[in-house]
Amino acid sequence: MLTPTEAERLIFDSIASFHREDCPLSGAHRRVLREDICADRDLPPFNRVTMDGYALRAEALHDGVRTFRIEAIQAAGMRAFTLGEAADLCIEIMTGAVLPEGADCVVPYEETKHEGTTMIVTGEVAGLVAGNAIHRRGSDHRTGEVIVRAGTRLTGREIAVAAACGYGTLTVSQLPKIAVVATGDELVEVDAPVLPHQIRRSNDHAISAALQMAGYPHVSRFHFRDVRAEIEHLLWHILAEYDVVIVTGGVSKGKFDYLPAELERQQVKKIFHGVAQRPGKPMWFGLSLRRTPVFALPGNPVSSYTCLHRYVLPALARASGLTPPEPRKVALADPVTFKPKLAYFLPVTLSSGPAAQLLARPDPSNTSGDFAGLLGTEGFVELPAETTDFPAGTLTTFHAWV
């Protein structure tokens, strides 16, 4: 049976990249950038004043001049003045304004006294050197320099850079249409009457919410009853219409688990069925004729939610062109023993140790059906099958819930 790493590799090797599209800057939040954002001019584009005060020559201060005549006042957004040649001249200046030609130092208001058209420097001048309170042109980035690289998920920070560089539109990955299918006769919708032998649908709601939180808003939910004809009809339409299909339940070996056979009949090529892991051992993955990835996750809520985070979300990120993050390592806060020869996905809470090391405290759910047991946890650690005893301090990989 496959290890989680082997299963992940098969998924990554199978799933195709999503197409690109141009997106208005106003709608680009949380999208994945597919082309670099470069500086269209020096940043800042001029010598920018960073404090309200007076622009003058630092040399005059260090030659002993303390009283200056105010030539003009210059606000942000105004063309730059030129400072007169006399040593005792200055220009009153506002934060964000262009440094006047001939000036090389700004004395902040707090270090001065204003009397009519005269300014007197009252503070210490030792630190008032050339360049004081001036953000030099091009000191952040030069024209043509890459500032945001393709593969970045866009937040307000990157969008601010794009706006400053004149990008009205950005090339991003298309957002896939995702179908989330809950299976089973025992399931009813949350607002429907529920009989003693029935349970309310939760997996499809949980998966849909997690997908949207991860940046994939185009999600539709469906329900397959354990009826061959219904599964055949609905599955055909879903495979034809959606870019990604996620099914929960119906992938084990029970007599009413019709889904694997129906997937095969509709020519969805099985890549694997079963991973040596707990929870989520029966997981299934395949590709349709049009190369639509199909993830069939176990029906138990904890298994389904864990497999979503371990395999589906990383696969969607990869197909979106997102630069993969570095694996996040944590240390076990308590010892763990797990006897089965399976990888163990163990829910944990995080805290900071005395040396600022990130500690993962085991907080397992009661069973793989105990969805409420995940409340309060921040993700899960992945413990390999090769070992049964994991002492406190063991370093392991952490996967965060979205």
Protein backbone atom coordinates (compact mmCIF):
# COMPACT_ATOMS: atom_id res chain seq x y z
CA MET A 1 0.00 0.00 0.00
CA LEU A 2 1.19 3.52 -0.77
CA THR A 3 2.75 5.82 1.80
CA PRO A 4 1.33 9.36 2.07
CA THR A 5 4.41 10.72 0.29
CA GLU A 6 3.96 8.26 -2.59
CA ALA A 7 0.27 9.07 -2.86
CA GLU A 8 1.01 12.79 -2.89
CA ARG A 9 3.58 12.33 -5.65
CA LEU A 10 1.13 10.38 -7.82
CA ILE A 11 -1.44 13.14 -7.40
CA PHE A 12 1.06 15.89 -8.18
CA ASP A 13 2.31 14.04 -11.26
CA SER A 14 -1.24 13.55 -12.54
CA ILE A 15 -2.97 16.87 -11.99
CA ALA A 16 -2.66 19.50 -14.74
CA SER A 17 -2.08 23.20 -14.18
CA PHE A 18 -5.11 25.45 -14.26
CA HIS A 19 -5.33 27.88 -17.17
CA ARG A 20 -4.36 31.53 -16.83
CA GLU A 21 -6.60 34.55 -17.14
CA ASP A 22 -6.39 38.31 -16.74
CA CYS A 23 -8.09 39.64 -13.64
CA PRO A 24 -8.86 43.27 -12.68
CA LEU A 25 -6.75 44.40 -9.76
CA SER A 26 -9.91 45.00 -7.71
CA GLY A 27 -10.79 41.29 -7.92
CA ALA A 28 -7.31 39.82 -7.48
CA HIS A 29 -7.32 39.24 -3.71
CA ARG A 30 -6.50 35.59 -2.87
CA ARG A 31 -5.81 34.73 -6.52
CA VAL A 32 -2.52 33.04 -7.49
CA LEU A 33 -0.21 35.24 -9.56
CA ARG A 34 1.10 33.65 -12.78
CA GLU A 35 3.38 36.44 -14.05
CA ASP A 36 5.93 38.51 -12.15
CA ILE A 37 5.10 42.04 -10.99
CA CYS A 38 7.99 44.36 -11.87
CA ALA A 39 8.72 47.96 -10.98
CA ASP A 40 7.69 50.20 -13.88
CA ARG A 41 9.88 53.00 -12.47
CA ASP A 42 12.21 53.57 -9.56
CA LEU A 43 10.60 53.20 -6.14
CA PRO A 44 10.31 55.67 -4.69
CA PRO A 45 10.22 57.55 -8.00
CA PHE A 46 11.82 60.67 -6.48
CA ASN A 47 13.71 61.73 -3.37
CA ARG A 48 10.77 61.67 -0.97
CA VAL A 49 10.61 63.71 2.23
CA THR A 50 9.59 61.56 5.23
CA MET A 51 8.91 64.24 7.88
CA ASP A 52 7.25 67.66 8.03
CA GLY A 53 9.94 70.32 8.43
CA TYR A 54 12.39 72.41 6.45
CA ALA A 55 14.56 71.37 3.50
CA LEU A 56 18.01 72.92 3.43
CA ARG A 57 21.70 72.19 2.91
CA ALA A 58 23.30 70.11 5.67
CA GLU A 59 26.60 71.87 4.95
CA ALA A 60 25.10 75.19 6.09
CA LEU A 61 24.17 73.71 9.45
CA HIS A 62 27.64 72.35 10.00
CA ASP A 63 29.13 75.70 9.00
CA GLY A 64 27.25 77.23 11.94
CA VAL A 65 24.14 78.67 10.28
CA ARG A 66 21.13 78.41 12.63
CA THR A 67 18.72 81.04 11.30
CA PHE A 68 17.22 80.44 7.85
CA ARG A 69 14.95 82.43 5.56
CA ILE A 70 11.91 80.51 4.32
CA GLU A 71 11.69 80.80 0.52
CA ALA A 72 8.50 78.80 -0.07
CA ILE A 73 6.29 76.01 1.19
CA GLN A 74 6.00 72.77 -0.71
CA ALA A 75 3.30 70.15 -0.20
CA ALA A 76 3.11 66.55 -1.37
CA GLY A 77 2.01 66.36 -4.98
CA MET A 78 3.62 69.67 -5.99
CA ARG A 79 6.46 69.99 -8.44
CA ALA A 80 9.79 70.41 -6.70
CA PHE A 81 11.10 73.87 -5.97
CA THR A 82 14.79 74.74 -6.37
CA LEU A 83 16.52 75.95 -3.25
CA GLY A 84 18.22 79.31 -3.68
CA GLU A 85 22.02 79.53 -3.64
CA ALA A 86 22.36 81.48 -0.38
CA ALA A 87 23.44 79.28 2.54
CA ASP A 88 20.72 80.59 4.88
CA LEU A 89 17.75 79.69 2.66
CA CYS A 90 15.30 76.85 3.29
CA ILE A 91 11.95 75.60 2.02
CA GLU A 92 9.16 74.50 4.33
CA ILE A 93 8.27 70.97 3.29
CA MET A 94 5.55 68.40 3.97
CA THR A 95 5.80 64.63 4.37
CA GLY A 96 5.62 62.89 0.99
CA ALA A 97 6.80 65.90 -0.99
CA VAL A 98 9.62 65.84 -3.55
CA LEU A 99 12.90 67.04 -2.06
CA PRO A 100 13.68 70.49 -3.57
CA GLU A 101 16.61 70.69 -5.94
CA GLY A 102 19.72 71.86 -4.08
CA ALA A 103 18.53 70.61 -0.67
CA ASP A 104 19.93 67.43 0.91
CA CYS A 105 18.61 67.48 4.48
CA VAL A 106 15.25 67.94 6.24
CA VAL A 107 15.09 69.44 9.72
CA PRO A 108 11.84 68.33 11.44
CA TYR A 109 9.50 70.90 12.93
CA GLU A 110 10.29 69.61 16.42
CA GLU A 111 13.88 70.84 16.12
CA THR A 112 12.96 74.37 15.03
CA LYS A 113 11.23 77.64 15.96
CA HIS A 114 9.19 79.56 13.39
CA GLU A 115 9.17 83.40 13.48
CA GLY A 116 7.38 85.02 10.54
CA THR A 117 9.40 84.18 7.42
CA THR A 118 12.34 82.94 9.47
CA MET A 119 13.15 79.49 10.87
CA ILE A 120 15.60 78.98 13.71
CA VAL A 121 17.15 75.58 14.38
CA THR A 122 16.88 74.98 18.12
CA GLY A 123 17.81 71.32 18.47
CA GLU A 124 21.05 69.38 18.22
CA VAL A 125 22.51 69.42 14.72
CA ALA A 126 24.94 66.49 15.02
CA GLY A 127 22.42 64.07 13.47
CA LEU A 128 21.18 66.51 10.84
CA VAL A 129 23.37 65.21 8.04
CA ALA A 130 22.85 64.90 4.31
CA GLY A 131 20.03 62.42 3.71
CA ASN A 132 18.22 63.05 6.98
CA ALA A 133 14.46 62.34 6.65
CA ILE A 134 14.84 61.61 2.94
CA HIS A 135 13.70 58.38 1.24
CA ARG A 136 16.13 58.22 -1.69
CA ARG A 137 14.88 57.58 -5.22
CA GLY A 138 15.23 53.92 -6.20
CA SER A 139 16.36 52.87 -2.72
CA ASP A 140 13.51 50.32 -2.51
CA HIS A 141 13.51 48.99 -6.09
CA ARG A 142 14.93 49.94 -9.47
CA THR A 143 13.02 50.09 -12.74
CA GLY A 144 12.43 46.59 -14.11
CA GLU A 145 13.21 44.81 -10.84
CA VAL A 146 10.93 41.86 -9.95
CA ILE A 147 9.06 42.71 -6.76
CA VAL A 148 6.39 39.99 -6.56
CA ARG A 149 7.14 36.65 -8.18
CA ALA A 150 4.72 34.40 -10.01
CA GLY A 151 3.40 31.70 -7.70
CA THR A 152 2.38 34.10 -4.93
CA ARG A 153 -1.13 34.09 -3.48
CA LEU A 154 -2.11 37.74 -3.57
CA THR A 155 -2.95 39.61 -0.38
CA GLY A 156 -3.36 43.31 0.26
CA ARG A 157 0.44 43.69 0.43
CA GLU A 158 1.06 42.38 -3.09
CA ILE A 159 -1.96 44.24 -4.46
CA ALA A 160 -0.57 47.49 -3.03
CA VAL A 161 2.69 46.84 -4.91
CA ALA A 162 0.80 46.03 -8.12
CA ALA A 163 -1.19 49.25 -7.84
CA ALA A 164 1.96 51.31 -7.22
CA CYS A 165 3.52 49.78 -10.32
CA GLY A 166 0.58 50.51 -12.60
CA TYR A 167 -0.92 47.02 -12.94
CA GLY A 168 -4.63 47.54 -13.61
CA THR A 169 -4.95 43.84 -14.39
CA LEU A 170 -2.95 40.83 -13.26
CA THR A 171 -2.39 37.43 -14.86
CA VAL A 172 -3.64 34.83 -12.41
CA SER A 173 -4.73 31.20 -12.35
CA GLN A 174 -8.31 30.49 -13.28
CA LEU A 175 -10.48 29.48 -10.36
CA PRO A 176 -11.65 25.88 -10.79
CA LYS A 177 -15.27 24.83 -10.56
CA ILE A 178 -15.31 22.23 -7.79
CA ALA A 179 -18.03 19.68 -7.12
CA VAL A 180 -18.26 18.30 -3.58
CA VAL A 181 -20.37 15.15 -3.39
CA ALA A 182 -21.65 13.57 -0.19
CA THR A 183 -22.77 9.94 -0.53
CA GLY A 184 -25.02 7.65 1.44
CA ASP A 185 -28.71 6.93 2.13
CA GLU A 186 -28.19 7.81 5.78
CA LEU A 187 -27.53 11.48 5.01
CA VAL A 188 -30.11 14.27 5.13
CA GLU A 189 -29.67 18.01 4.64
CA VAL A 190 -29.14 20.05 7.79
CA ASP A 191 -32.58 21.67 7.77
CA ALA A 192 -34.52 18.48 6.93
CA PRO A 193 -36.31 16.25 9.48
CA VAL A 194 -33.89 13.62 10.74
CA LEU A 195 -34.95 10.11 11.71
CA PRO A 196 -33.20 8.04 14.40
CA HIS A 197 -31.26 6.05 11.79
CA GLN A 198 -30.16 9.10 9.80
CA ILE A 199 -27.42 11.72 10.21
CA ARG A 200 -27.19 15.27 8.93
CA ARG A 201 -24.79 16.11 6.11
CA SER A 202 -21.64 17.74 7.44
CA ASN A 203 -18.73 16.61 5.26
CA ASP A 204 -19.78 18.52 2.17
CA HIS A 205 -20.43 21.67 4.20
CA ALA A 206 -17.06 21.39 5.96
CA ILE A 207 -15.17 20.74 2.72
CA SER A 208 -16.96 23.56 0.89
CA ALA A 209 -16.13 26.01 3.69
CA ALA A 210 -12.47 24.93 3.78
CA LEU A 211 -12.15 25.25 0.00
CA GLN A 212 -13.56 28.75 0.05
CA MET A 213 -11.28 29.73 2.91
CA ALA A 214 -8.32 28.40 0.92
CA GLY A 215 -9.19 30.63 -2.06
CA TYR A 216 -11.49 28.42 -4.18
CA PRO A 217 -14.94 30.05 -4.08
CA HIS A 218 -16.66 28.22 -6.96
CA VAL A 219 -17.93 25.18 -5.05
CA SER A 220 -21.19 23.29 -5.58
CA ARG A 221 -22.53 20.59 -3.25
CA PHE A 222 -24.31 17.39 -4.31
CA HIS A 223 -25.68 14.26 -2.69
CA PHE A 224 -25.54 10.71 -4.08
CA ARG A 225 -27.94 8.20 -2.57
CA ASP A 226 -26.86 4.57 -2.67
CA VAL A 227 -28.75 4.02 -5.90
CA ARG A 228 -26.77 2.89 -8.95
CA ALA A 229 -28.92 4.70 -11.51
CA GLU A 230 -28.74 8.02 -9.62
CA ILE A 231 -24.98 7.75 -9.14
CA GLU A 232 -24.54 6.98 -12.87
CA HIS A 233 -26.66 9.93 -14.00
CA LEU A 234 -25.32 12.58 -11.60
CA LEU A 235 -21.70 11.48 -11.88
CA TRP A 236 -21.80 11.78 -15.68
CA HIS A 237 -23.03 15.38 -15.49
CA ILE A 238 -20.57 16.34 -12.75
CA LEU A 239 -17.58 14.90 -14.60
CA ALA A 240 -18.61 16.81 -17.72
CA GLU A 241 -19.18 20.15 -16.01
CA TYR A 242 -16.65 20.51 -13.19
CA ASP A 243 -12.88 20.95 -13.10
CA VAL A 244 -12.34 19.08 -9.82
CA VAL A 245 -14.54 16.47 -8.16
CA ILE A 246 -14.35 15.63 -4.44
CA VAL A 247 -16.47 12.78 -3.17
CA THR A 248 -16.88 11.78 0.47
CA GLY A 249 -17.92 8.24 1.34
CA GLY A 250 -18.70 5.24 -0.81
CA VAL A 251 -15.07 4.25 -1.46
CA SER A 252 -14.70 1.35 0.96
CA LYS A 253 -15.54 -2.29 0.20
CA GLY A 254 -19.14 -2.43 1.45
CA LYS A 255 -21.94 -3.93 -0.65
CA PHE A 256 -23.47 -0.49 -1.19
CA ASP A 257 -20.22 1.27 -2.06
CA TYR A 258 -21.04 1.53 -5.75
CA LEU A 259 -18.86 4.51 -6.48
CA PRO A 260 -15.50 2.87 -7.38
CA ALA A 261 -17.17 0.58 -9.92
CA GLU A 262 -19.18 3.45 -11.41
CA LEU A 263 -16.08 5.62 -11.69
CA GLU A 264 -14.39 2.81 -13.59
CA ARG A 265 -17.43 2.33 -15.82
CA GLN A 266 -17.38 6.02 -16.72
CA GLN A 267 -13.70 5.64 -17.66
CA VAL A 268 -12.26 7.52 -14.72
CA LYS A 269 -8.80 6.02 -14.52
CA LYS A 270 -7.88 4.86 -11.04
CA ILE A 271 -4.45 6.12 -10.02
CA PHE A 272 -4.60 4.55 -6.57
CA HIS A 273 -7.06 3.20 -4.02
CA GLY A 274 -5.81 2.99 -0.46
CA VAL A 275 -3.03 4.72 1.46
CA ALA A 276 -1.22 3.32 4.51
CA GLN A 277 -2.50 6.00 6.86
CA ARG A 278 -4.91 6.60 9.71
CA PRO A 279 -7.32 8.18 9.35
CA GLY A 280 -8.19 7.93 5.64
CA LYS A 281 -6.90 4.52 4.58
CA PRO A 282 -9.57 3.89 1.86
CA MET A 283 -8.82 7.12 -0.07
CA TRP A 284 -9.20 6.87 -3.86
CA PHE A 285 -7.80 9.12 -6.60
CA GLY A 286 -8.20 9.08 -10.36
CA LEU A 287 -8.54 11.09 -13.59
CA SER A 288 -11.48 11.31 -15.98
CA LEU A 289 -11.12 11.15 -19.76
CA ARG A 290 -10.92 14.96 -19.83
CA ARG A 291 -8.32 14.76 -17.03
CA THR A 292 -10.62 15.99 -14.32
CA PRO A 293 -9.07 14.97 -10.99
CA VAL A 294 -11.41 12.94 -8.82
CA PHE A 295 -10.67 12.66 -5.11
CA ALA A 296 -12.82 10.08 -3.35
CA LEU A 297 -12.32 10.61 0.37
CA PRO A 298 -13.51 8.31 3.17
CA GLY A 299 -16.90 9.15 4.60
CA ASN A 300 -15.89 9.45 8.25
CA PRO A 301 -15.74 13.20 8.98
CA VAL A 302 -12.26 13.33 10.53
CA SER A 303 -10.85 11.14 7.74
CA SER A 304 -12.47 13.26 5.06
CA TYR A 305 -11.34 16.58 6.53
CA THR A 306 -7.81 15.34 7.16
CA CYS A 307 -7.38 13.94 3.63
CA LEU A 308 -8.70 17.21 2.21
CA HIS A 309 -5.85 19.06 3.93
CA ARG A 310 -3.18 16.43 3.32
CA TYR A 311 -3.84 15.87 -0.39
CA VAL A 312 -6.60 17.93 -2.03
CA LEU A 313 -5.65 21.45 -0.95
CA PRO A 314 -1.92 20.93 -1.76
CA ALA A 315 -2.91 19.52 -5.17
CA LEU A 316 -5.13 22.53 -5.91
CA ALA A 317 -2.34 24.87 -4.83
CA ARG A 318 0.07 23.10 -7.16
CA ALA A 319 -2.37 23.23 -10.09
CA SER A 320 -2.81 26.94 -9.39
CA GLY A 321 0.95 27.48 -9.71
CA LEU A 322 1.35 28.43 -6.06
CA THR A 323 4.95 28.28 -4.85
CA PRO A 324 4.99 25.46 -2.30
CA PRO A 325 5.78 26.56 1.26
CA GLU A 326 8.61 25.08 3.25
CA PRO A 327 7.42 22.15 5.40
CA ARG A 328 6.53 23.40 8.86
CA LYS A 329 8.36 21.47 11.55
CA VAL A 330 7.18 21.19 15.15
CA ALA A 331 8.28 19.18 18.18
CA LEU A 332 5.95 16.83 20.02
CA ALA A 333 5.14 18.19 23.46
CA ASP A 334 4.19 14.73 24.78
CA PRO A 335 5.23 11.18 23.87
CA VAL A 336 3.02 9.27 21.43
CA THR A 337 2.73 5.52 20.82
CA PHE A 338 1.00 4.24 17.68
CA LYS A 339 1.33 0.52 16.95
CA PRO A 340 -0.29 -0.01 13.52
CA LYS A 341 2.09 0.01 10.54
CA LEU A 342 0.40 3.10 9.21
CA ALA A 343 1.25 6.78 9.00
CA TYR A 344 -0.60 8.58 11.78
CA PHE A 345 -2.28 11.94 11.21
CA LEU A 346 -2.62 13.21 14.78
CA PRO A 347 -4.60 16.39 15.60
CA VAL A 348 -2.64 18.81 17.77
CA THR A 349 -2.71 22.16 19.47
CA LEU A 350 0.32 24.43 19.24
CA SER A 351 2.22 26.34 21.89
CA SER A 352 5.63 27.94 22.25
CA GLY A 353 8.29 26.20 24.32
CA PRO A 354 10.81 27.91 26.62
CA ALA A 355 13.32 28.26 23.77
CA ALA A 356 10.63 29.62 21.42
CA GLN A 357 10.34 26.22 19.79
CA LEU A 358 6.91 25.42 18.40
CA LEU A 359 5.42 22.53 20.38
CA ALA A 360 2.61 20.25 19.18
CA ARG A 361 0.46 18.80 21.94
CA PRO A 362 -1.52 15.71 20.86
CA ASP A 363 -5.28 16.21 20.98
CA PRO A 364 -6.77 13.17 19.21
CA SER A 365 -10.45 12.96 18.40
CA ASN A 366 -12.50 10.19 19.99
CA THR A 367 -12.96 8.35 16.67
CA SER A 368 -12.76 9.23 12.99
CA GLY A 369 -16.45 10.11 13.24
CA ASP A 370 -15.86 12.67 16.00
CA PHE A 371 -15.81 15.87 13.97
CA ALA A 372 -16.38 17.95 17.10
CA GLY A 373 -13.13 16.49 18.44
CA LEU A 374 -11.23 18.67 15.99
CA LEU A 375 -12.53 21.84 17.64
CA GLY A 376 -9.68 23.66 19.35
CA THR A 377 -6.99 21.88 17.35
CA GLU A 378 -4.92 23.86 14.88
CA GLY A 379 -3.96 21.09 12.48
CA PHE A 380 -2.31 17.69 12.56
CA VAL A 381 1.17 16.22 12.61
CA GLU A 382 2.24 13.38 10.36
CA LEU A 383 3.97 10.53 12.16
CA PRO A 384 5.62 7.95 9.87
CA ALA A 385 4.72 4.25 9.86
CA GLU A 386 8.33 3.12 10.35
CA THR A 387 8.23 3.90 14.09
CA THR A 388 5.75 3.04 16.84
CA ASP A 389 7.11 5.17 19.70
CA PHE A 390 7.62 8.90 19.38
CA PRO A 391 9.19 10.53 22.44
CA ALA A 392 8.53 14.10 23.45
CA GLY A 393 10.70 16.40 21.38
CA THR A 394 10.34 14.35 18.18
CA LEU A 395 10.42 16.69 15.17
CA THR A 396 7.61 16.13 12.71
CA THR A 397 5.72 17.88 9.91
CA PHE A 398 2.71 20.01 10.82
CA HIS A 399 -0.28 20.59 8.52
CA ALA A 400 -2.54 23.50 9.49
CA TRP A 401 -6.30 23.54 9.06
CA VAL A 402 -7.43 26.41 6.85
